Amino acid sequence: MGEDEGSPHRPSAGESGKPKPSLETPTTERVSRPVNEESPLLSPSQEEEEGPLMGDPTSLDDDHHKHFQEQESKGLWYMVLLTISIGGLQLAWAVELSNGTPYLLSLGMSKSLMALVWIAGPLSGALVQPYVGMLSDNCRSKWGKRVPFMAAGAAATIISLLALAWVREVVGGVLGLFGADSESRGVKTTIIVVAVLFVYVLDFAINTVQAGIRAFILDCCPSHQQETANAMASRITGIGSIVTYLAGYMDLPKYVWFFGNTQFKVLSVIACVALGGTVALSIGTVHERDASLQDPPAKGKGGLFAFFKQVFHSIRRLPPQTRKVCEVQFFAWIGFFPQLFYSSSYVGDIYVQPYLEANPNMTPVEIDRLYAKATRVGTFALLIYAIVSLSTN
C-alpha cells in the first residue's frame, strides 16, 4: 500500500537520520559540504580536506565581479606586442623543421641515425618545459618570473642555431690548428658529433624560451582575455611559419649573400634576428609584475629530484578520463612527428630521383645544386601546409 501523503516520512533501518541534500536545500549548505572524492573525474586523495571547500557563493560572485571589473581589457596592439615573441621563436623552430634534416644529411649523417637526433625534440619538451615552468614559478627576480627565462632561452637558441649553421667551419678550423686535414674521416665524424650536440642544445633552448613565453602571455593578460591571447598567439605562430617557409623557398644566398653562402646559414641568421628582436620587443613593451615583492617560494620544492617525484606522482594519480586523453595525444604524435621533420626531405627525394636517373654522371657540384633545389621544393610543400593550417585554425 502507498504511504499517506499527509503522514510524516519515517526513515527505514538502512537510512540515516540526517537529511539528504536536495535542490531545496539552501545553496550555502550544499556547497559547504566536502565533495565526493569517488567522482570518476578525480583520483582518491591521500588526505581528505576538512572544513568547507567554498565560502558563501554570493560573496564569491561579488568578489569575482569586482575582480573582473578591476581587470582592464587590453586592446589589439597590446595583444600583438604580448604574443609577438612566439612568432620570432616559430621562425627558429620552422628553420630546424624544414632544413634540419637536409642539412644534417649534407654533413654526412646517415638516415638511420637521424631518428636519434630528432628525439631531442620530444625529450626536451617532456622534461625541460615542465621543469622550466616550475623554476619560473619559484623565481623572484625584479625583472619578473618569466623574463629571465625568455631572455636566457632566446640567447641560448641564437648561439646554438648559429653554431649549428657554421659547425663545419668552426670544427674544421679548430682541428686545423692541430694539423688535422679537413677532408679526413676523423674530422667529418667530429663535425657530425658536434652538430648533434648543438641540435640537442638548440631543442633544449627552444623549449626553455617557449615555456617562458607561454607563461608570460598568461601572466600579463587579463583572465577574461586569455582565450583571445591564445588565439592571437596561434595566428602569429602560423604567420611565422609562413614567413619562414616562404623565405626557405627562395634562393636566399643569391640575394642576401652577406648572411652566408648556404640556405641554412641565411635562414639561421634571419631566424636569430627575428627571435632576438621580437623577444626584446615583448619584454620592453609589456612589463611583468616585480616578482621580488611576492612571498618567497616554499623551500625544498624547486629541486630536480622534487620535480621528477612530482611528475611521476602526478602520472600515477591521473584520472581515467585524463589518462585517455594523454594516450590519444601520445599516439597522435607518433603519426604527426615524422610529418614534421621528414616531409621536406621526403618531397626533396621525390624531386631529385628523376634527375639522378636521367643524368647518372652528374658532378658533385651539380648534385649539391640539385639537392639545394630539392630542399627548397620540400620547403614549398611545408609552405602550403602552413597556409592551410592558418586558414583553418
Protein backbone atom coordinates (compact mmCIF):
# COMPACT_ATOMS: atom_id res chain seq x y z
CA MET A 1 0.00 0.00 0.00
CA GLY A 2 1.18 3.53 -0.72
CA GLU A 3 2.15 5.86 2.05
CA ASP A 4 -0.26 8.61 3.11
CA GLU A 5 0.74 11.95 1.59
CA GLY A 6 -0.05 13.72 4.82
CA SER A 7 1.84 11.34 7.12
CA PRO A 8 5.42 12.17 8.02
CA HIS A 9 8.20 10.11 6.41
CA ARG A 10 9.87 7.68 8.77
CA PRO A 11 13.44 6.68 7.91
CA SER A 12 13.96 2.99 7.41
CA ALA A 13 16.66 0.97 9.16
CA GLY A 14 19.09 1.46 6.28
CA GLU A 15 18.61 5.21 6.11
CA SER A 16 20.45 7.80 8.17
CA GLY A 17 18.52 10.20 10.28
CA LYS A 18 20.37 13.10 8.66
CA PRO A 19 18.54 14.88 5.83
CA LYS A 20 19.91 14.29 2.32
CA PRO A 21 20.94 17.28 0.23
CA SER A 22 18.39 18.19 -2.41
CA LEU A 23 17.58 21.02 -4.72
CA GLU A 24 15.51 22.51 -1.93
CA THR A 25 18.50 22.59 0.43
CA PRO A 26 19.98 26.10 0.67
CA THR A 27 22.93 26.61 -1.65
CA THR A 28 25.29 27.59 1.15
CA GLU A 29 24.64 24.27 2.91
CA ARG A 30 25.17 22.18 -0.22
CA VAL A 31 28.44 23.77 -1.36
CA SER A 32 29.97 23.80 2.12
CA ARG A 33 29.97 20.00 2.33
CA PRO A 34 33.04 18.08 1.15
CA VAL A 35 32.99 16.93 -2.45
CA ASN A 36 32.68 13.18 -3.05
CA GLU A 37 36.21 12.05 -3.88
CA GLU A 38 34.83 8.93 -5.60
CA SER A 39 33.93 11.04 -8.61
CA PRO A 40 35.21 9.42 -11.85
CA LEU A 41 36.93 12.71 -12.69
CA LEU A 42 39.07 12.64 -9.54
CA SER A 43 41.56 10.18 -8.14
CA PRO A 44 41.22 9.35 -4.44
CA SER A 45 43.37 11.72 -2.42
CA GLN A 46 45.52 10.51 0.44
CA GLU A 47 44.31 13.24 2.78
CA GLU A 48 40.75 14.49 2.89
CA GLU A 49 40.32 18.19 3.23
CA GLU A 50 38.41 19.30 6.28
CA GLY A 51 36.05 22.18 6.51
CA PRO A 52 34.10 23.94 3.79
CA LEU A 53 35.56 23.88 0.30
CA MET A 54 33.94 27.17 -0.62
CA GLY A 55 32.59 30.16 1.15
CA ASP A 56 29.35 31.89 0.56
CA PRO A 57 28.74 31.71 -3.22
CA THR A 58 27.08 35.10 -3.14
CA SER A 59 30.22 36.73 -1.76
CA LEU A 60 32.32 34.73 -4.22
CA ASP A 61 30.26 36.01 -7.12
CA ASP A 62 30.64 39.57 -5.83
CA ASP A 63 34.40 39.18 -5.46
CA HIS A 64 34.69 37.70 -8.93
CA HIS A 65 32.60 40.50 -10.40
CA LYS A 66 34.73 43.15 -8.66
CA HIS A 67 37.93 41.43 -9.80
CA PHE A 68 36.58 41.22 -13.33
CA GLN A 69 35.81 44.93 -13.32
CA GLU A 70 39.25 45.80 -11.92
CA GLN A 71 40.99 43.98 -14.79
CA GLU A 72 41.10 46.42 -17.64
CA SER A 73 40.59 44.91 -21.08
CA LYS A 74 43.59 45.17 -23.37
CA GLY A 75 43.50 46.33 -26.95
CA LEU A 76 44.66 44.72 -30.17
CA TRP A 77 48.15 46.23 -30.17
CA TYR A 78 48.78 45.09 -26.62
CA MET A 79 47.87 41.54 -27.63
CA VAL A 80 50.18 41.75 -30.64
CA LEU A 81 53.10 43.01 -28.55
CA LEU A 82 52.38 40.42 -25.87
CA THR A 83 52.45 37.47 -28.28
CA ILE A 84 54.88 38.67 -30.97
CA SER A 85 57.81 36.86 -29.33
CA ILE A 86 56.28 33.46 -30.02
CA GLY A 87 56.26 34.37 -33.72
CA GLY A 88 60.01 35.00 -33.62
CA LEU A 89 60.51 31.70 -31.85
CA GLN A 90 58.46 29.97 -34.54
CA LEU A 91 60.93 31.19 -37.18
CA ALA A 92 63.78 29.39 -35.42
CA TRP A 93 61.66 26.27 -34.94
CA ALA A 94 60.50 26.27 -38.57
CA VAL A 95 64.09 26.59 -39.83
CA GLU A 96 65.01 23.47 -37.89
CA LEU A 97 61.92 21.61 -39.12
CA SER A 98 62.29 22.45 -42.80
CA ASN A 99 66.05 22.45 -43.26
CA GLY A 100 67.40 20.48 -40.32
CA THR A 101 67.21 17.03 -41.89
CA PRO A 102 68.66 18.04 -45.31
CA TYR A 103 71.43 19.97 -43.56
CA LEU A 104 72.46 17.05 -41.33
CA LEU A 105 72.39 14.73 -44.34
CA SER A 106 74.70 17.14 -46.17
CA LEU A 107 77.18 16.79 -43.29
CA GLY A 108 77.35 13.07 -43.95
CA MET A 109 74.97 11.74 -41.31
CA SER A 110 73.14 8.54 -42.23
CA LYS A 111 69.35 8.46 -42.35
CA SER A 112 69.26 5.60 -39.83
CA LEU A 113 70.89 7.83 -37.18
CA MET A 114 68.57 10.75 -37.87
CA ALA A 115 65.87 9.43 -35.53
CA LEU A 116 68.31 9.51 -32.60
CA VAL A 117 68.91 13.17 -33.34
CA TRP A 118 65.29 14.26 -33.58
CA ILE A 119 64.34 12.51 -30.36
CA ALA A 120 65.79 15.64 -28.77
CA GLY A 121 62.57 17.50 -29.58
CA PRO A 122 60.04 15.39 -27.67
CA LEU A 123 62.59 14.61 -24.96
CA SER A 124 63.20 18.28 -24.23
CA GLY A 125 59.50 19.05 -24.50
CA ALA A 126 58.62 16.40 -21.93
CA LEU A 127 61.35 17.31 -19.44
CA VAL A 128 62.52 20.87 -20.00
CA GLN A 129 59.22 22.76 -20.31
CA PRO A 130 57.65 21.46 -17.07
CA TYR A 131 60.89 21.95 -15.16
CA VAL A 132 61.41 25.46 -16.51
CA GLY A 133 57.80 26.23 -15.64
CA MET A 134 58.40 25.16 -12.05
CA LEU A 135 61.63 27.16 -11.83
CA SER A 136 59.97 30.27 -13.21
CA ASP A 137 57.08 29.92 -10.76
CA ASN A 138 59.62 29.99 -7.93
CA CYS A 139 61.66 32.83 -9.46
CA ARG A 140 61.63 36.09 -7.51
CA SER A 141 63.67 38.31 -9.83
CA LYS A 142 62.92 42.02 -10.00
CA TRP A 143 62.55 41.55 -13.77
CA GLY A 144 59.66 39.14 -13.22
CA LYS A 145 59.14 35.41 -13.19
CA ARG A 146 59.23 34.74 -16.93
CA VAL A 147 61.50 37.41 -18.42
CA PRO A 148 64.79 35.87 -17.20
CA PHE A 149 63.94 32.53 -18.80
CA MET A 150 62.75 34.18 -22.01
CA ALA A 151 65.97 36.18 -22.32
CA ALA A 152 68.29 33.32 -21.37
CA GLY A 153 66.46 30.85 -23.60
CA ALA A 154 66.49 33.24 -26.55
CA ALA A 155 70.23 33.86 -26.14
CA ALA A 156 70.94 30.12 -25.96
CA THR A 157 68.76 29.50 -29.02
CA ILE A 158 70.57 32.16 -31.06
CA ILE A 159 74.03 30.90 -30.10
CA SER A 160 73.25 27.22 -30.72
CA LEU A 161 71.49 27.85 -34.04
CA LEU A 162 74.34 29.96 -35.41
CA ALA A 163 76.90 27.43 -34.14
CA LEU A 164 74.97 24.64 -35.87
CA ALA A 165 74.86 26.57 -39.14
CA TRP A 166 78.65 27.17 -39.09
CA VAL A 167 79.62 23.86 -37.44
CA ARG A 168 81.69 22.71 -40.42
CA GLU A 169 83.79 25.88 -40.40
CA VAL A 170 84.12 26.03 -36.61
CA VAL A 171 85.13 22.40 -36.07
CA GLY A 172 87.30 22.29 -39.18
CA GLY A 173 89.07 25.49 -38.16
CA VAL A 174 89.71 24.35 -34.58
CA LEU A 175 91.02 20.94 -35.63
CA GLY A 176 93.02 22.56 -38.41
CA LEU A 177 95.02 24.39 -35.76
CA PHE A 178 96.33 21.00 -34.68
CA GLY A 179 97.23 19.97 -38.23
CA ALA A 180 94.14 17.85 -38.97
CA ASP A 181 93.02 17.50 -42.58
CA SER A 182 89.56 18.99 -43.05
CA GLU A 183 88.68 16.21 -45.52
CA SER A 184 89.76 13.35 -43.27
CA ARG A 185 87.26 10.87 -41.89
CA GLY A 186 88.02 11.83 -38.30
CA VAL A 187 87.26 15.50 -38.89
CA LYS A 188 83.99 14.68 -40.67
CA THR A 189 82.93 12.39 -37.82
CA THR A 190 83.76 15.09 -35.29
CA ILE A 191 81.68 17.60 -37.25
CA ILE A 192 78.68 15.26 -37.13
CA VAL A 193 79.07 14.63 -33.39
CA VAL A 194 79.34 18.35 -32.61
CA ALA A 195 76.36 19.08 -34.88
CA VAL A 196 74.24 16.55 -32.99
CA LEU A 197 75.31 18.16 -29.72
CA PHE A 198 74.23 21.58 -30.99
CA VAL A 199 70.87 20.14 -32.10
CA TYR A 200 70.22 18.94 -28.56
CA VAL A 201 71.29 22.27 -27.09
CA LEU A 202 69.07 24.05 -29.62
CA ASP A 203 65.99 21.98 -28.77
CA PHE A 204 66.51 22.41 -25.04
CA ALA A 205 66.95 26.17 -25.52
CA ILE A 206 63.84 26.44 -27.72
CA ASN A 207 61.73 24.67 -25.10
CA THR A 208 63.13 26.94 -22.40
CA VAL A 209 62.13 30.13 -24.18
CA GLN A 210 58.82 28.60 -25.26
CA ALA A 211 57.88 27.74 -21.68
CA GLY A 212 58.74 31.28 -20.60
CA ILE A 213 56.79 32.90 -23.44
CA ARG A 214 53.62 30.86 -22.90
CA ALA A 215 53.60 31.60 -19.17
CA PHE A 216 54.42 35.26 -19.89
CA ILE A 217 51.37 35.54 -22.15
CA LEU A 218 49.03 34.13 -19.50
CA ASP A 219 50.53 36.17 -16.65
CA CYS A 220 50.35 39.52 -18.45
CA CYS A 221 46.88 39.05 -19.91
CA PRO A 222 43.58 39.69 -18.09
CA SER A 223 41.90 36.43 -17.17
CA HIS A 224 38.83 37.20 -19.26
CA GLN A 225 41.02 37.73 -22.36
CA GLN A 226 43.21 34.64 -22.13
CA GLU A 227 41.32 32.93 -24.94
CA THR A 228 41.89 35.99 -27.12
CA ALA A 229 45.59 36.00 -26.27
CA ASN A 230 45.94 32.30 -27.08
CA ALA A 231 44.14 32.82 -30.37
CA MET A 232 46.46 35.72 -31.22
CA ALA A 233 49.49 33.59 -30.34
CA SER A 234 48.21 30.85 -32.62
CA ARG A 235 47.78 33.30 -35.51
CA ILE A 236 51.25 34.79 -35.03
CA THR A 237 52.73 31.29 -34.89
CA GLY A 238 51.07 30.47 -38.20
CA ILE A 239 52.31 33.71 -39.75
CA GLY A 240 55.82 32.94 -38.51
CA SER A 241 55.72 29.54 -40.19
CA ILE A 242 54.53 31.04 -43.47
CA VAL A 243 57.27 33.69 -43.43
CA THR A 244 59.95 31.07 -42.75
CA TYR A 245 58.79 28.62 -45.40
CA LEU A 246 58.33 31.40 -47.94
CA ALA A 247 61.88 32.58 -47.31
CA GLY A 248 63.11 28.99 -47.43
CA TYR A 249 61.61 28.50 -50.88
CA MET A 250 63.66 31.41 -52.25
CA ASP A 251 67.30 31.11 -53.30
CA LEU A 252 68.47 33.29 -50.42
CA PRO A 253 72.27 33.12 -50.96
CA LYS A 254 71.65 34.69 -54.36
CA TYR A 255 70.04 37.78 -52.82
CA VAL A 256 71.48 38.08 -49.27
CA TRP A 257 74.91 36.54 -49.72
CA PHE A 258 76.29 38.61 -46.86
CA PHE A 259 74.37 36.41 -44.39
CA GLY A 260 76.07 33.24 -45.60
CA ASN A 261 76.84 31.10 -48.61
CA THR A 262 74.22 28.40 -47.91
CA GLN A 263 70.46 28.38 -47.48
CA PHE A 264 70.65 27.10 -43.92
CA LYS A 265 73.10 29.82 -42.85
CA VAL A 266 70.96 32.63 -44.24
CA LEU A 267 67.77 31.23 -42.71
CA SER A 268 69.51 30.82 -39.36
CA VAL A 269 70.64 34.45 -39.35
CA ILE A 270 67.15 35.67 -40.26
CA ALA A 271 65.58 33.49 -37.55
CA CYS A 272 68.05 34.69 -34.92
CA VAL A 273 67.44 38.35 -35.75
CA ALA A 274 63.67 37.78 -35.63
CA LEU A 275 63.83 35.89 -32.34
CA GLY A 276 66.06 38.42 -30.62
CA GLY A 277 64.04 41.36 -31.92
CA THR A 278 60.60 40.00 -31.02
CA VAL A 279 61.62 38.84 -27.54
CA ALA A 280 63.19 42.24 -26.85
CA LEU A 281 60.04 43.95 -28.15
CA SER A 282 57.73 41.93 -25.90
CA ILE A 283 59.93 42.38 -22.85
CA GLY A 284 60.40 46.10 -23.50
CA THR A 285 56.75 46.97 -24.07
CA VAL A 286 54.88 44.55 -21.79
CA HIS A 287 56.03 44.82 -18.19
CA GLU A 288 55.71 41.88 -15.86
CA ARG A 289 55.00 42.31 -12.16
CA ASP A 290 58.01 42.60 -9.87
CA ALA A 291 58.38 39.06 -8.55
CA SER A 292 60.73 40.14 -5.76
CA LEU A 293 57.76 41.74 -3.98
CA GLN A 294 55.91 38.42 -3.76
CA ASP A 295 56.18 35.91 -0.94
CA PRO A 296 59.25 33.67 -1.16
CA PRO A 297 58.64 30.18 -2.58
CA ALA A 298 58.36 27.20 -0.28
CA LYS A 299 61.70 25.60 0.47
CA GLY A 300 62.52 22.16 -0.86
CA LYS A 301 60.15 22.31 -3.85
CA GLY A 302 62.44 23.62 -6.58
CA GLY A 303 65.00 20.83 -6.85
CA LEU A 304 65.43 18.41 -9.71
CA PHE A 305 64.58 15.41 -7.54
CA ALA A 306 61.40 17.06 -6.30
CA PHE A 307 60.42 17.81 -9.89
CA PHE A 308 60.71 14.20 -11.08
CA LYS A 309 58.99 12.97 -7.94
CA GLN A 310 56.09 15.31 -8.56
CA VAL A 311 55.86 14.31 -12.24
CA PHE A 312 55.76 10.57 -11.56
CA HIS A 313 53.36 11.04 -8.68
CA SER A 314 51.03 13.03 -10.93
CA ILE A 315 51.21 10.39 -13.66
CA ARG A 316 50.17 7.65 -11.24
CA ARG A 317 47.22 9.69 -9.98
CA LEU A 318 45.84 10.74 -13.35
CA PRO A 319 42.05 10.42 -13.54
CA PRO A 320 40.82 7.85 -16.09
CA GLN A 321 39.47 10.47 -18.48
CA THR A 322 42.69 12.49 -18.41
CA ARG A 323 44.74 9.33 -18.89
CA LYS A 324 42.73 8.50 -22.03
CA VAL A 325 43.36 11.99 -23.41
CA CYS A 326 47.09 11.58 -22.79
CA GLU A 327 47.09 8.20 -24.53
CA VAL A 328 45.34 9.64 -27.58
CA GLN A 329 47.79 12.55 -27.65
CA PHE A 330 50.72 10.15 -27.38
CA PHE A 331 49.69 8.02 -30.35
CA ALA A 332 48.66 11.08 -32.37
CA TRP A 333 52.17 12.48 -32.02
CA ILE A 334 53.63 9.17 -33.21
CA GLY A 335 51.89 9.83 -36.51
CA PHE A 336 52.45 13.59 -36.54
CA PHE A 337 56.13 13.62 -35.61
CA PRO A 338 57.51 12.08 -38.85
CA GLN A 339 55.49 14.56 -40.89
CA LEU A 340 57.11 17.45 -39.05
CA PHE A 341 60.74 16.50 -39.52
CA TYR A 342 60.81 14.33 -42.63
CA SER A 343 58.29 15.89 -45.02
CA SER A 344 60.77 18.32 -46.62
CA SER A 345 63.42 15.64 -47.20
CA TYR A 346 60.74 13.21 -48.44
CA VAL A 347 59.45 15.67 -51.03
CA GLY A 348 63.04 16.52 -51.94
CA ASP A 349 63.87 12.86 -52.60
CA ILE A 350 60.88 12.56 -54.90
CA TYR A 351 62.08 15.65 -56.75
CA VAL A 352 65.70 14.52 -57.31
CA GLN A 353 65.10 10.90 -58.34
CA PRO A 354 64.11 11.62 -61.98
CA TYR A 355 67.16 13.89 -62.42
CA LEU A 356 69.54 11.31 -60.97
CA GLU A 357 68.13 8.58 -63.20
CA ALA A 358 68.31 10.75 -66.32
CA ASN A 359 71.83 12.04 -65.53
CA PRO A 360 73.80 9.31 -63.71
CA ASN A 361 77.14 11.04 -64.36
CA MET A 362 76.44 14.32 -62.60
CA THR A 363 79.39 16.05 -60.93
CA PRO A 364 79.43 16.61 -57.15
CA VAL A 365 78.79 20.33 -57.69
CA GLU A 366 75.75 19.59 -59.84
CA ILE A 367 74.45 17.11 -57.26
CA ASP A 368 74.81 19.71 -54.50
CA ARG A 369 72.87 22.24 -56.55
CA LEU A 370 70.18 19.66 -57.28
CA TYR A 371 69.72 18.82 -53.60
CA ALA A 372 69.68 22.51 -52.68
CA LYS A 373 66.83 22.98 -55.14
CA ALA A 374 65.12 19.87 -53.75
CA THR A 375 65.28 21.31 -50.24
CA ARG A 376 63.56 24.49 -51.43
CA VAL A 377 60.87 22.40 -53.12
CA GLY A 378 60.34 20.49 -49.88
CA THR A 379 60.09 23.79 -48.02
CA PHE A 380 57.45 24.92 -50.51
CA ALA A 381 55.39 21.87 -49.54
CA LEU A 382 55.62 22.98 -45.91
CA LEU A 383 54.56 26.47 -47.02
CA ILE A 384 51.34 25.05 -48.45
CA TYR A 385 50.85 23.12 -45.21
CA ALA A 386 51.35 26.27 -43.11
CA ILE A 387 48.89 28.28 -45.22
CA VAL A 388 46.22 25.59 -44.91
CA SER A 389 46.82 25.31 -41.15
CA LEU A 390 46.50 29.06 -40.61
CA SER A 391 43.38 29.36 -42.77
CA THR A 392 41.61 26.51 -40.94
CA ASN A 393 42.80 27.40 -37.45
